[in-house]
Amino acid sequence: MKKYECRRPLGVSIAFCCLWLLLLEGCSPKSGGLPEGLLETPELHASNGFRLIKKERPVDAQREFEHALRLKPGYSPALRGMGLVQGMNGNFASAYESMEKARNSAEKEEDEALAYVGIMQLHAIRRGPGWLNRVGENFARASSLAKDLPEAYYHMGMAYKFAYRFTESEAAFEQVLKINKSLLDEAEEQLETVRKIERAMPR
């Protein structure tokens, strides 16, 4: 009598091993967030870097932007992110240079506009002589390239807030909500803060 053995098909075994390796890769600890093994793109690392900037983690953000640039040298969003990190560290000469590189290497008009928004952010961080006028000039340049860009209105609102021009700040944040694309939670939070300040001011 023949004995029949229950054998797993070779294809199933290989598929199972590949799935197991992917799971191990995804569970391995990596600084900065998402697993690199599953989706290794400059877009992923740049996006991760901007999230880390929001969390005020410039060292980790810089590592993500550098990784994006290794994958795609001259990648405009990563250069813009590097400029912001350099500005947060007080290295403004390098920061403005990175923003110019981001602007010159932009493949789309929106990326060029966002590079101007990055320059707005640097002026607002540095607040040197005539900083608010320079923010406004770069806001106009960004808006000429990309109409209704929420990032431009949001950082214009932040600049007005830093300059204690609360009416203009409120209008800028309201425009972010009107555009209704991104930065909605951030704009709502800033708008509420500005309104509380205005209510507390003596008439």
C-alpha atoms as a PDB file:
ATOM      1  CA  MET A   1       0.000   0.000   0.000  1.00  0.00           C
ATOM      2  CA  LYS A   2       1.325   3.424  -0.933  1.00  0.00           C
ATOM      3  CA  LYS A   3       1.685   6.018   1.748  1.00  0.00           C
ATOM      4  CA  TYR A   4       0.550   9.503   0.768  1.00  0.00           C
ATOM      5  CA  GLU A   5       2.355  12.394   2.341  1.00  0.00           C
ATOM      6  CA  CYS A   6       0.715  15.768   2.747  1.00  0.00           C
ATOM      7  CA  ARG A   7       3.201  18.174   1.235  1.00  0.00           C
ATOM      8  CA  ARG A   8       2.780  21.947   1.068  1.00  0.00           C
ATOM      9  CA  PRO A   9       3.179  23.251  -2.503  1.00  0.00           C
ATOM     10  CA  LEU A  10       6.527  24.948  -3.079  1.00  0.00           C
ATOM     11  CA  GLY A  11       4.901  28.208  -4.220  1.00  0.00           C
ATOM     12  CA  VAL A  12       2.905  28.494  -0.997  1.00  0.00           C
ATOM     13  CA  SER A  13       6.045  27.972   1.124  1.00  0.00           C
ATOM     14  CA  ILE A  14       7.963  30.652  -0.765  1.00  0.00           C
ATOM     15  CA  ALA A  15       5.052  33.094  -0.504  1.00  0.00           C
ATOM     16  CA  PHE A  16       4.766  32.415   3.234  1.00  0.00           C
ATOM     17  CA  CYS A  17       8.493  33.060   3.759  1.00  0.00           C
ATOM     18  CA  CYS A  18       8.371  36.309   1.787  1.00  0.00           C
ATOM     19  CA  LEU A  19       5.380  37.504   3.823  1.00  0.00           C
ATOM     20  CA  TRP A  20       7.165  36.626   7.064  1.00  0.00           C
ATOM     21  CA  LEU A  21      10.267  38.575   6.026  1.00  0.00           C
ATOM     22  CA  LEU A  22       8.161  41.623   5.137  1.00  0.00           C
ATOM     23  CA  LEU A  23       6.460  41.494   8.524  1.00  0.00           C
ATOM     24  CA  LEU A  24       9.814  41.302  10.277  1.00  0.00           C
ATOM     25  CA  GLU A  25      11.064  44.270   8.246  1.00  0.00           C
ATOM     26  CA  GLY A  26       7.979  46.300   9.112  1.00  0.00           C
ATOM     27  CA  CYS A  27       8.294  45.547  12.808  1.00  0.00           C
ATOM     28  CA  SER A  28      11.962  46.439  13.035  1.00  0.00           C
ATOM     29  CA  PRO A  29      12.569  49.730  14.910  1.00  0.00           C
ATOM     30  CA  LYS A  30      13.425  52.694  12.711  1.00  0.00           C
ATOM     31  CA  SER A  31      13.907  56.269  13.704  1.00  0.00           C
ATOM     32  CA  GLY A  32      11.493  58.635  12.026  1.00  0.00           C
ATOM     33  CA  GLY A  33       8.350  56.548  11.666  1.00  0.00           C
ATOM     34  CA  LEU A  34       7.309  54.506   8.635  1.00  0.00           C
ATOM     35  CA  PRO A  35       9.129  51.275   7.688  1.00  0.00           C
ATOM     36  CA  GLU A  36      11.639  51.913   4.926  1.00  0.00           C
ATOM     37  CA  GLY A  37      11.590  48.366   3.569  1.00  0.00           C
ATOM     38  CA  LEU A  38       7.979  48.574   2.371  1.00  0.00           C
ATOM     39  CA  LEU A  39       8.071  51.893   0.512  1.00  0.00           C
ATOM     40  CA  GLU A  40      11.487  53.455  -0.057  1.00  0.00           C
ATOM     41  CA  THR A  41      10.783  56.736  -1.869  1.00  0.00           C
ATOM     42  CA  PRO A  42      12.028  60.337  -1.559  1.00  0.00           C
ATOM     43  CA  GLU A  43       8.412  61.461  -1.176  1.00  0.00           C
ATOM     44  CA  LEU A  44       7.972  59.255   1.885  1.00  0.00           C
ATOM     45  CA  HIS A  45      11.109  60.490   3.618  1.00  0.00           C
ATOM     46  CA  ALA A  46      10.422  64.159   2.834  1.00  0.00           C
ATOM     47  CA  SER A  47       6.853  63.853   4.133  1.00  0.00           C
ATOM     48  CA  ASN A  48       8.144  62.130   7.255  1.00  0.00           C
ATOM     49  CA  GLY A  49      10.690  64.941   7.713  1.00  0.00           C
ATOM     50  CA  PHE A  50       8.021  67.642   7.645  1.00  0.00           C
ATOM     51  CA  ARG A  51       5.998  65.747  10.248  1.00  0.00           C
ATOM     52  CA  LEU A  52       9.088  65.658  12.464  1.00  0.00           C
ATOM     53  CA  ILE A  53       9.584  69.402  12.003  1.00  0.00           C
ATOM     54  CA  LYS A  54       6.048  69.950  13.315  1.00  0.00           C
ATOM     55  CA  LYS A  55       7.045  67.901  16.344  1.00  0.00           C
ATOM     56  CA  GLU A  56      10.148  70.106  16.751  1.00  0.00           C
ATOM     57  CA  ARG A  57      12.565  67.229  16.134  1.00  0.00           C
ATOM     58  CA  PRO A  58      15.022  68.843  13.695  1.00  0.00           C
ATOM     59  CA  VAL A  59      17.751  66.204  14.097  1.00  0.00           C
ATOM     60  CA  ASP A  60      15.416  63.369  13.091  1.00  0.00           C
ATOM     61  CA  ALA A  61      13.873  65.532  10.362  1.00  0.00           C
ATOM     62  CA  GLN A  62      17.303  66.270   8.890  1.00  0.00           C
ATOM     63  CA  ARG A  63      18.053  62.555   8.698  1.00  0.00           C
ATOM     64  CA  GLU A  64      14.841  61.996   6.714  1.00  0.00           C
ATOM     65  CA  PHE A  65      15.566  64.852   4.301  1.00  0.00           C
ATOM     66  CA  GLU A  66      19.123  63.632   3.770  1.00  0.00           C
ATOM     67  CA  HIS A  67      17.788  60.163   3.010  1.00  0.00           C
ATOM     68  CA  ALA A  68      15.360  61.633   0.464  1.00  0.00           C
ATOM     69  CA  LEU A  69      18.224  63.490  -1.209  1.00  0.00           C
ATOM     70  CA  ARG A  70      20.293  60.316  -1.408  1.00  0.00           C
ATOM     71  CA  LEU A  71      17.412  58.655  -3.230  1.00  0.00           C
ATOM     72  CA  LYS A  72      16.793  61.666  -5.465  1.00  0.00           C
ATOM     73  CA  PRO A  73      19.521  64.363  -5.527  1.00  0.00           C
ATOM     74  CA  GLY A  74      18.122  67.844  -6.024  1.00  0.00           C
ATOM     75  CA  TYR A  75      14.638  66.840  -4.793  1.00  0.00           C
ATOM     76  CA  SER A  76      12.945  70.195  -4.156  1.00  0.00           C
ATOM     77  CA  PRO A  77      10.774  69.313  -1.092  1.00  0.00           C
ATOM     78  CA  ALA A  78      13.759  67.713   0.664  1.00  0.00           C
ATOM     79  CA  LEU A  79      15.928  70.780  -0.017  1.00  0.00           C
ATOM     80  CA  ARG A  80      13.157  72.970   1.378  1.00  0.00           C
ATOM     81  CA  GLY A  81      13.007  70.786   4.466  1.00  0.00           C
ATOM     82  CA  MET A  82      16.763  71.036   4.897  1.00  0.00           C
ATOM     83  CA  GLY A  83      16.442  74.824   4.717  1.00  0.00           C
ATOM     84  CA  LEU A  84      13.874  74.808   7.509  1.00  0.00           C
ATOM     85  CA  VAL A  85      16.063  72.573   9.683  1.00  0.00           C
ATOM     86  CA  GLN A  86      19.038  74.887   9.115  1.00  0.00           C
ATOM     87  CA  GLY A  87      16.881  77.892   9.989  1.00  0.00           C
ATOM     88  CA  MET A  88      15.672  76.215  13.178  1.00  0.00           C
ATOM     89  CA  ASN A  89      19.340  75.693  14.074  1.00  0.00           C
ATOM     90  CA  GLY A  90      20.144  79.369  13.419  1.00  0.00           C
ATOM     91  CA  ASN A  91      22.260  78.688  10.320  1.00  0.00           C
ATOM     92  CA  PHE A  92      20.447  81.184   8.088  1.00  0.00           C
ATOM     93  CA  ALA A  93      23.085  81.540   5.368  1.00  0.00           C
ATOM     94  CA  SER A  94      22.832  77.825   4.573  1.00  0.00           C
ATOM     95  CA  ALA A  95      19.066  77.914   5.078  1.00  0.00           C
ATOM     96  CA  TYR A  96      18.464  80.584   2.427  1.00  0.00           C
ATOM     97  CA  GLU A  97      20.871  78.805   0.085  1.00  0.00           C
ATOM     98  CA  SER A  98      18.910  75.565   0.476  1.00  0.00           C
ATOM     99  CA  MET A  99      15.650  77.397  -0.238  1.00  0.00           C
ATOM    100  CA  GLU A 100      17.101  78.858  -3.424  1.00  0.00           C
ATOM    101  CA  LYS A 101      18.211  75.388  -4.494  1.00  0.00           C
ATOM    102  CA  ALA A 102      14.702  74.107  -3.738  1.00  0.00           C
ATOM    103  CA  ARG A 103      13.210  76.870  -5.870  1.00  0.00           C
ATOM    104  CA  ASN A 104      15.599  76.327  -8.782  1.00  0.00           C
ATOM    105  CA  SER A 105      15.192  72.540  -8.796  1.00  0.00           C
ATOM    106  CA  ALA A 106      11.381  72.569  -8.528  1.00  0.00           C
ATOM    107  CA  GLU A 107       9.749  70.355 -11.132  1.00  0.00           C
ATOM    108  CA  LYS A 108       6.276  71.844 -10.588  1.00  0.00           C
ATOM    109  CA  GLU A 109       5.074  75.402 -10.005  1.00  0.00           C
ATOM    110  CA  GLU A 110       3.583  74.352  -6.667  1.00  0.00           C
ATOM    111  CA  ASP A 111       7.001  73.156  -5.467  1.00  0.00           C
ATOM    112  CA  GLU A 112       8.502  76.492  -6.516  1.00  0.00           C
ATOM    113  CA  ALA A 113       5.691  78.296  -4.677  1.00  0.00           C
ATOM    114  CA  LEU A 114       6.345  76.202  -1.558  1.00  0.00           C
ATOM    115  CA  ALA A 115      10.024  77.176  -1.733  1.00  0.00           C
ATOM    116  CA  TYR A 116       8.891  80.812  -1.476  1.00  0.00           C
ATOM    117  CA  VAL A 117       6.735  79.784   1.492  1.00  0.00           C
ATOM    118  CA  GLY A 118       9.881  78.277   3.019  1.00  0.00           C
ATOM    119  CA  ILE A 119      11.621  81.635   2.612  1.00  0.00           C
ATOM    120  CA  MET A 120       8.628  83.255   4.348  1.00  0.00           C
ATOM    121  CA  GLN A 121       9.126  80.863   7.253  1.00  0.00           C
ATOM    122  CA  LEU A 122      12.829  81.664   7.484  1.00  0.00           C
ATOM    123  CA  HIS A 123      12.162  85.428   7.647  1.00  0.00           C
ATOM    124  CA  ALA A 124       9.539  84.814  10.348  1.00  0.00           C
ATOM    125  CA  ILE A 125      12.004  82.710  12.354  1.00  0.00           C
ATOM    126  CA  ARG A 126      14.856  85.179  11.993  1.00  0.00           C
ATOM    127  CA  ARG A 127      12.854  88.430  12.259  1.00  0.00           C
ATOM    128  CA  GLY A 128      15.626  90.685  11.063  1.00  0.00           C
ATOM    129  CA  PRO A 129      15.117  94.290   9.883  1.00  0.00           C
ATOM    130  CA  GLY A 130      12.146  94.569   7.551  1.00  0.00           C
ATOM    131  CA  TRP A 131      11.272  90.906   8.033  1.00  0.00           C
ATOM    132  CA  LEU A 132       7.490  91.308   7.723  1.00  0.00           C
ATOM    133  CA  ASN A 133       7.782  93.130   4.384  1.00  0.00           C
ATOM    134  CA  ARG A 134      10.011  90.326   3.115  1.00  0.00           C
ATOM    135  CA  VAL A 135       7.471  87.753   4.244  1.00  0.00           C
ATOM    136  CA  GLY A 136       4.809  89.660   2.323  1.00  0.00           C
ATOM    137  CA  GLU A 137       6.960  89.847  -0.810  1.00  0.00           C
ATOM    138  CA  ASN A 138       7.535  86.107  -0.826  1.00  0.00           C
ATOM    139  CA  PHE A 139       3.844  85.492  -0.113  1.00  0.00           C
ATOM    140  CA  ALA A 140       3.041  87.436  -3.286  1.00  0.00           C
ATOM    141  CA  ARG A 141       5.559  85.372  -5.279  1.00  0.00           C
ATOM    142  CA  ALA A 142       4.145  82.111  -3.946  1.00  0.00           C
ATOM    143  CA  SER A 143       0.576  83.195  -4.677  1.00  0.00           C
ATOM    144  CA  SER A 144       1.466  84.174  -8.241  1.00  0.00           C
ATOM    145  CA  LEU A 145       2.645  80.621  -8.899  1.00  0.00           C
ATOM    146  CA  ALA A 146      -0.037  78.677  -7.038  1.00  0.00           C
ATOM    147  CA  LYS A 147      -3.403  80.257  -6.363  1.00  0.00           C
ATOM    148  CA  ASP A 148      -5.105  79.461  -3.064  1.00  0.00           C
ATOM    149  CA  LEU A 149      -2.065  77.772  -1.532  1.00  0.00           C
ATOM    150  CA  PRO A 150      -3.020  77.075   2.102  1.00  0.00           C
ATOM    151  CA  GLU A 151       0.610  76.952   3.257  1.00  0.00           C
ATOM    152  CA  ALA A 152       1.176  80.506   2.009  1.00  0.00           C
ATOM    153  CA  TYR A 153      -1.851  81.897   3.871  1.00  0.00           C
ATOM    154  CA  TYR A 154      -1.069  79.919   7.007  1.00  0.00           C
ATOM    155  CA  HIS A 155       2.499  81.192   7.323  1.00  0.00           C
ATOM    156  CA  MET A 156       1.382  84.714   6.408  1.00  0.00           C
ATOM    157  CA  GLY A 157      -1.055  84.425   9.302  1.00  0.00           C
ATOM    158  CA  MET A 158       1.727  83.253  11.601  1.00  0.00           C
ATOM    159  CA  ALA A 159       3.892  86.192  10.545  1.00  0.00           C
ATOM    160  CA  TYR A 160       1.105  88.669  11.270  1.00  0.00           C
ATOM    161  CA  LYS A 161       0.590  86.992  14.635  1.00  0.00           C
ATOM    162  CA  PHE A 162       4.288  87.395  15.491  1.00  0.00           C
ATOM    163  CA  ALA A 163       4.010  91.069  14.473  1.00  0.00           C
ATOM    164  CA  TYR A 164       0.916  91.576  16.723  1.00  0.00           C
ATOM    165  CA  ARG A 165      -1.239  92.414  13.697  1.00  0.00           C
ATOM    166  CA  PHE A 166      -4.087  90.217  14.795  1.00  0.00           C
ATOM    167  CA  THR A 167      -6.791  91.381  12.389  1.00  0.00           C
ATOM    168  CA  GLU A 168      -4.640  90.481   9.369  1.00  0.00           C
ATOM    169  CA  SER A 169      -3.592  87.248  11.070  1.00  0.00           C
ATOM    170  CA  GLU A 170      -7.211  86.264  11.629  1.00  0.00           C
ATOM    171  CA  ALA A 171      -8.069  86.970   7.985  1.00  0.00           C
ATOM    172  CA  ALA A 172      -5.186  84.814   6.756  1.00  0.00           C
ATOM    173  CA  PHE A 173      -6.161  81.840   8.929  1.00  0.00           C
ATOM    174  CA  GLU A 174      -9.792  82.193   7.811  1.00  0.00           C
ATOM    175  CA  GLN A 175      -8.585  81.983   4.221  1.00  0.00           C
ATOM    176  CA  VAL A 176      -6.890  78.634   5.001  1.00  0.00           C
ATOM    177  CA  LEU A 177     -10.241  77.317   6.236  1.00  0.00           C
ATOM    178  CA  LYS A 178     -11.990  78.731   3.181  1.00  0.00           C
ATOM    179  CA  ILE A 179      -9.555  76.972   0.814  1.00  0.00           C
ATOM    180  CA  ASN A 180     -10.276  73.765   2.760  1.00  0.00           C
ATOM    181  CA  LYS A 181      -7.361  71.667   1.495  1.00  0.00           C
ATOM    182  CA  SER A 182      -4.760  71.284   4.254  1.00  0.00           C
ATOM    183  CA  LEU A 183      -3.587  72.762   7.584  1.00  0.00           C
ATOM    184  CA  LEU A 184      -7.217  72.988   8.708  1.00  0.00           C
ATOM    185  CA  ASP A 185      -6.639  71.855  12.300  1.00  0.00           C
ATOM    186  CA  GLU A 186      -3.577  74.085  12.644  1.00  0.00           C
ATOM    187  CA  ALA A 187      -5.418  77.112  11.234  1.00  0.00           C
ATOM    188  CA  GLU A 188      -8.413  76.560  13.511  1.00  0.00           C
ATOM    189  CA  GLU A 189      -6.133  76.354  16.533  1.00  0.00           C
ATOM    190  CA  GLN A 190      -4.245  79.524  15.596  1.00  0.00           C
ATOM    191  CA  LEU A 191      -7.468  81.344  14.763  1.00  0.00           C
ATOM    192  CA  GLU A 192      -8.892  80.548  18.184  1.00  0.00           C
ATOM    193  CA  THR A 193      -5.670  81.762  19.830  1.00  0.00           C
ATOM    194  CA  VAL A 194      -5.747  85.052  17.910  1.00  0.00           C
ATOM    195  CA  ARG A 195      -9.414  85.615  18.782  1.00  0.00           C
ATOM    196  CA  LYS A 196      -8.713  84.980  22.476  1.00  0.00           C
ATOM    197  CA  ILE A 197      -5.911  87.571  22.336  1.00  0.00           C
ATOM    198  CA  GLU A 198      -8.204  90.080  20.641  1.00  0.00           C
ATOM    199  CA  ARG A 199     -10.950  89.530  23.229  1.00  0.00           C
ATOM    200  CA  ALA A 200      -8.427  90.062  26.038  1.00  0.00           C
ATOM    201  CA  MET A 201      -7.041  93.295  24.591  1.00  0.00           C
ATOM    202  CA  PRO A 202      -8.271  96.528  26.190  1.00  0.00           C
ATOM    203  CA  ARG A 203     -10.700  98.480  24.046  1.00  0.00           C
END
